[in-house]
Amino acid sequence: MLKKILILFSILFYSKGISQTTAEKEINQIFQLEEKEKIHQFFQAIEEYKQDHDYSDAMIMDSIFAEITPPVLVNFIKSINKEKFIQEKEFTKDYEFNIFPKEYAANMPCADVVSLQFLEEKNQFLLMVGNSFYVEDFGCTESGTSYLFKIEKGKIKIINIMEVG
């Protein structure tokens, strides 16, 4: 009986180890975005998505939406504590984009953020860029751009881009 329990325990432990290793392997791919080639590939994938989904720049021109830029993305990725991200599967960092419509002043600071989550069940990443600005008699108002993507065999594929605000 003890032998069966030990075998069952080792199977469960081994299975957990495999899934954790697989998740870590998937997560570690995000840190390749520090490399110039991978940054280029990420933004090329965004452009391809926009072309394939009739996502014209006219939709976002003079808008309140912040889109990720190469310098911000590199800075953000370099800021992530790898071990902590592997455990928590999310990371958020504050920024100050200063994006607001002309009729609103930047007299009150509102927090802008970039966050990244690893969605383990689908092996996908969700990168969110949040922009806020102050509206008199209302307070800080927010908008956001989300990039849902996957990294498969070293290739980045944008699954969805969504703007909310």
Foldseek 3Di string as FASTA:
>chain_A
DVVVVVVVVVVVVVVVVVLLVVLLVLLVLLLCLLDPVVVVLVVVQVVVVCVVVVNDVVVCPLHQEDDDDSVNSNVVSVPDDSVVCSVPQKDKDWDFPPRDHPVADQPDDDTWMWMWGQPSVVSKIKIKTKGWGQDPPPGIDIKMWIWIWHADPNHIHTPDIDIGD
